[in-house]
Amino acid sequence: MSLLQFSHSQGVEFLGKIGFGELILILVIVLIIFGPSKLPEMGRAIGNGLREFKRATKGLQDDLDDNPSQTKESN
């Protein structure tokens, strides 16, 4: 089995699905690399980034919903 596997129904799948054990291992490695003092800062930064991304995509979706005729004319 290769590391990179293609499935028509799921697209590209890299190393299968991540289970609970793998998630714990990743979190332990991150804790060792960055230390406990940096984790809250990193969590806040990731949360702010995700919040901003969600806000931007919602704004884009709202613009598309407000002007459906412009999207049909541009195609």
N, C-alpha and C. Protein backbone atom coordinates (compact mmCIF):
# COMPACT_ATOMS: atom_id res chain seq x y z
N MET A 1 0.84 -1.18 0.00
CA MET A 1 0.00 0.00 0.00
C MET A 1 0.88 1.24 0.00
N SER A 2 0.59 2.19 -0.86
CA SER A 2 1.41 3.38 -0.95
C SER A 2 0.97 4.43 0.06
N LEU A 3 1.85 5.42 0.31
CA LEU A 3 1.51 6.49 1.23
C LEU A 3 0.43 7.40 0.67
N LEU A 4 0.43 7.58 -0.63
CA LEU A 4 -0.54 8.45 -1.28
C LEU A 4 -1.47 7.58 -2.10
N GLN A 5 -2.73 7.59 -1.76
CA GLN A 5 -3.69 6.70 -2.38
C GLN A 5 -4.81 7.52 -2.99
N PHE A 6 -5.24 7.18 -4.20
CA PHE A 6 -6.30 7.92 -4.88
C PHE A 6 -7.57 7.08 -4.90
N SER A 7 -8.66 7.71 -4.52
CA SER A 7 -9.96 7.08 -4.56
C SER A 7 -10.92 8.02 -5.27
N HIS A 8 -11.67 7.53 -6.23
CA HIS A 8 -12.56 8.40 -6.99
C HIS A 8 -13.63 9.02 -6.12
N SER A 9 -14.11 8.34 -5.12
CA SER A 9 -15.18 8.86 -4.29
C SER A 9 -14.67 9.81 -3.22
N GLN A 10 -13.43 9.65 -2.77
CA GLN A 10 -12.91 10.45 -1.67
C GLN A 10 -11.79 11.39 -2.09
N GLY A 11 -11.33 11.35 -3.30
CA GLY A 11 -10.23 12.20 -3.72
C GLY A 11 -8.91 11.59 -3.28
N VAL A 12 -7.95 12.42 -2.91
CA VAL A 12 -6.64 11.96 -2.49
C VAL A 12 -6.66 11.77 -0.98
N GLU A 13 -6.20 10.62 -0.55
CA GLU A 13 -6.17 10.30 0.88
C GLU A 13 -4.73 10.07 1.27
N PHE A 14 -4.23 10.82 2.24
CA PHE A 14 -2.83 10.73 2.66
C PHE A 14 -2.73 10.01 3.99
N LEU A 15 -2.10 8.87 4.00
CA LEU A 15 -1.85 8.07 5.19
C LEU A 15 -3.13 7.64 5.92
N GLY A 16 -4.23 7.53 5.23
CA GLY A 16 -5.46 7.05 5.86
C GLY A 16 -6.08 8.07 6.79
N LYS A 17 -6.95 7.59 7.65
CA LYS A 17 -7.62 8.46 8.60
C LYS A 17 -6.82 8.51 9.90
N ILE A 18 -6.85 9.66 10.56
CA ILE A 18 -6.14 9.82 11.83
C ILE A 18 -7.05 9.36 12.95
N GLY A 19 -6.57 8.43 13.74
CA GLY A 19 -7.33 7.91 14.86
C GLY A 19 -6.97 8.62 16.15
N PHE A 20 -7.57 8.17 17.24
CA PHE A 20 -7.35 8.79 18.54
C PHE A 20 -5.89 8.65 18.99
N GLY A 21 -5.30 7.48 18.80
CA GLY A 21 -3.92 7.26 19.20
C GLY A 21 -2.94 8.15 18.45
N GLU A 22 -3.16 8.30 17.14
CA GLU A 22 -2.30 9.15 16.34
C GLU A 22 -2.45 10.61 16.74
N LEU A 23 -3.67 11.03 17.07
CA LEU A 23 -3.91 12.40 17.49
C LEU A 23 -3.20 12.70 18.81
N ILE A 24 -3.25 11.77 19.75
CA ILE A 24 -2.54 11.93 21.02
C ILE A 24 -1.04 12.02 20.78
N LEU A 25 -0.51 11.18 19.90
CA LEU A 25 0.92 11.20 19.59
C LEU A 25 1.33 12.55 19.00
N ILE A 26 0.55 13.08 18.08
CA ILE A 26 0.84 14.39 17.48
C ILE A 26 0.83 15.47 18.55
N LEU A 27 -0.16 15.44 19.44
CA LEU A 27 -0.24 16.45 20.50
C LEU A 27 0.93 16.37 21.46
N VAL A 28 1.39 15.16 21.77
CA VAL A 28 2.56 14.99 22.65
C VAL A 28 3.81 15.54 21.98
N ILE A 29 3.98 15.27 20.69
CA ILE A 29 5.14 15.79 19.96
C ILE A 29 5.12 17.31 19.91
N VAL A 30 3.95 17.89 19.66
CA VAL A 30 3.82 19.35 19.65
C VAL A 30 4.14 19.92 21.02
N LEU A 31 3.68 19.27 22.08
CA LEU A 31 3.96 19.72 23.44
C LEU A 31 5.45 19.67 23.73
N ILE A 32 6.13 18.63 23.28
CA ILE A 32 7.57 18.50 23.50
C ILE A 32 8.33 19.58 22.71
N ILE A 33 7.93 19.82 21.48
CA ILE A 33 8.65 20.78 20.63
C ILE A 33 8.45 22.22 21.11
N PHE A 34 7.21 22.60 21.38
CA PHE A 34 6.92 24.01 21.68
C PHE A 34 6.84 24.30 23.17
N GLY A 35 6.62 23.33 24.00
CA GLY A 35 6.54 23.54 25.43
C GLY A 35 5.15 24.02 25.85
N PRO A 36 4.84 23.86 27.12
CA PRO A 36 3.50 24.20 27.60
C PRO A 36 3.20 25.70 27.60
N SER A 37 4.21 26.55 27.63
CA SER A 37 3.95 27.99 27.68
C SER A 37 3.52 28.54 26.32
N LYS A 38 3.92 27.90 25.24
CA LYS A 38 3.57 28.38 23.90
C LYS A 38 2.23 27.85 23.39
N LEU A 39 1.72 26.76 23.96
CA LEU A 39 0.50 26.15 23.45
C LEU A 39 -0.72 27.08 23.52
N PRO A 40 -0.95 27.81 24.61
CA PRO A 40 -2.11 28.73 24.60
C PRO A 40 -2.00 29.81 23.54
N GLU A 41 -0.79 30.33 23.33
CA GLU A 41 -0.59 31.35 22.29
C GLU A 41 -0.88 30.77 20.90
N MET A 42 -0.39 29.56 20.67
CA MET A 42 -0.62 28.91 19.38
C MET A 42 -2.11 28.62 19.18
N GLY A 43 -2.78 28.17 20.23
CA GLY A 43 -4.21 27.91 20.15
C GLY A 43 -5.00 29.16 19.82
N ARG A 44 -4.64 30.28 20.49
CA ARG A 44 -5.30 31.55 20.20
C ARG A 44 -5.06 31.99 18.76
N ALA A 45 -3.84 31.85 18.29
CA ALA A 45 -3.51 32.26 16.93
C ALA A 45 -4.27 31.42 15.91
N ILE A 46 -4.34 30.12 16.13
CA ILE A 46 -5.08 29.24 15.22
C ILE A 46 -6.57 29.57 15.26
N GLY A 47 -7.10 29.79 16.46
CA GLY A 47 -8.51 30.16 16.60
C GLY A 47 -8.84 31.47 15.90
N ASN A 48 -7.97 32.47 16.06
CA ASN A 48 -8.19 33.75 15.38
C ASN A 48 -8.11 33.59 13.87
N GLY A 49 -7.18 32.78 13.40
CA GLY A 49 -7.07 32.55 11.96
C GLY A 49 -8.29 31.85 11.39
N LEU A 50 -8.78 30.84 12.11
CA LEU A 50 -9.98 30.13 11.66
C LEU A 50 -11.20 31.05 11.69
N ARG A 51 -11.31 31.87 12.73
CA ARG A 51 -12.43 32.81 12.83
C ARG A 51 -12.40 33.82 11.67
N GLU A 52 -11.22 34.33 11.35
CA GLU A 52 -11.10 35.29 10.25
C GLU A 52 -11.42 34.62 8.91
N PHE A 53 -10.97 33.39 8.73
CA PHE A 53 -11.27 32.65 7.50
C PHE A 53 -12.76 32.42 7.37
N LYS A 54 -13.41 32.04 8.46
CA LYS A 54 -14.86 31.83 8.44
C LYS A 54 -15.59 33.13 8.12
N ARG A 55 -15.15 34.22 8.72
CA ARG A 55 -15.77 35.52 8.46
C ARG A 55 -15.61 35.92 6.99
N ALA A 56 -14.43 35.68 6.43
CA ALA A 56 -14.18 36.04 5.03
C ALA A 56 -15.01 35.19 4.08
N THR A 57 -15.09 33.89 4.35
CA THR A 57 -15.88 33.04 3.46
C THR A 57 -17.36 33.32 3.59
N LYS A 58 -17.82 33.67 4.80
CA LYS A 58 -19.23 34.04 4.98
C LYS A 58 -19.53 35.33 4.22
N GLY A 59 -18.62 36.30 4.28
CA GLY A 59 -18.80 37.54 3.54
C GLY A 59 -18.85 37.30 2.04
N LEU A 60 -18.01 36.42 1.55
CA LEU A 60 -18.00 36.08 0.13
C LEU A 60 -19.30 35.39 -0.26
N GLN A 61 -19.76 34.46 0.58
CA GLN A 61 -21.02 33.76 0.30
C GLN A 61 -22.19 34.74 0.33
N ASP A 62 -22.19 35.68 1.27
CA ASP A 62 -23.25 36.69 1.33
C ASP A 62 -23.26 37.55 0.07
N ASP A 63 -22.07 37.92 -0.41
CA ASP A 63 -21.98 38.71 -1.65
C ASP A 63 -22.54 37.93 -2.84
N LEU A 64 -22.22 36.65 -2.90
CA LEU A 64 -22.73 35.83 -3.99
C LEU A 64 -24.24 35.65 -3.89
N ASP A 65 -24.76 35.53 -2.67
CA ASP A 65 -26.20 35.37 -2.48
C ASP A 65 -26.95 36.66 -2.81
N ASP A 66 -26.34 37.82 -2.54
CA ASP A 66 -26.97 39.11 -2.82
C ASP A 66 -27.03 39.42 -4.31
N ASN A 67 -26.05 38.95 -5.07
CA ASN A 67 -25.96 39.27 -6.50
C ASN A 67 -25.88 38.00 -7.34
N PRO A 68 -26.92 37.17 -7.37
CA PRO A 68 -26.83 35.93 -8.16
C PRO A 68 -26.78 36.19 -9.67
N SER A 69 -27.31 37.33 -10.13
CA SER A 69 -27.30 37.62 -11.56
C SER A 69 -25.88 37.90 -12.07
N GLN A 70 -25.04 38.47 -11.22
CA GLN A 70 -23.66 38.77 -11.64
C GLN A 70 -22.86 37.49 -11.85
N THR A 71 -23.10 36.47 -11.04
CA THR A 71 -22.35 35.23 -11.21
C THR A 71 -22.78 34.50 -12.47
N LYS A 72 -24.05 34.59 -12.84
CA LYS A 72 -24.52 33.94 -14.07
C LYS A 72 -24.01 34.67 -15.30
N GLU A 73 -23.94 36.01 -15.23
CA GLU A 73 -23.46 36.80 -16.38
C GLU A 73 -21.96 36.62 -16.60
N SER A 74 -21.20 36.43 -15.55
CA SER A 74 -19.75 36.32 -15.71
C SER A 74 -19.34 34.97 -16.27
N ASN A 75 -20.18 33.95 -16.18
CA ASN A 75 -19.84 32.62 -16.71
C ASN A 75 -20.11 32.53 -18.15
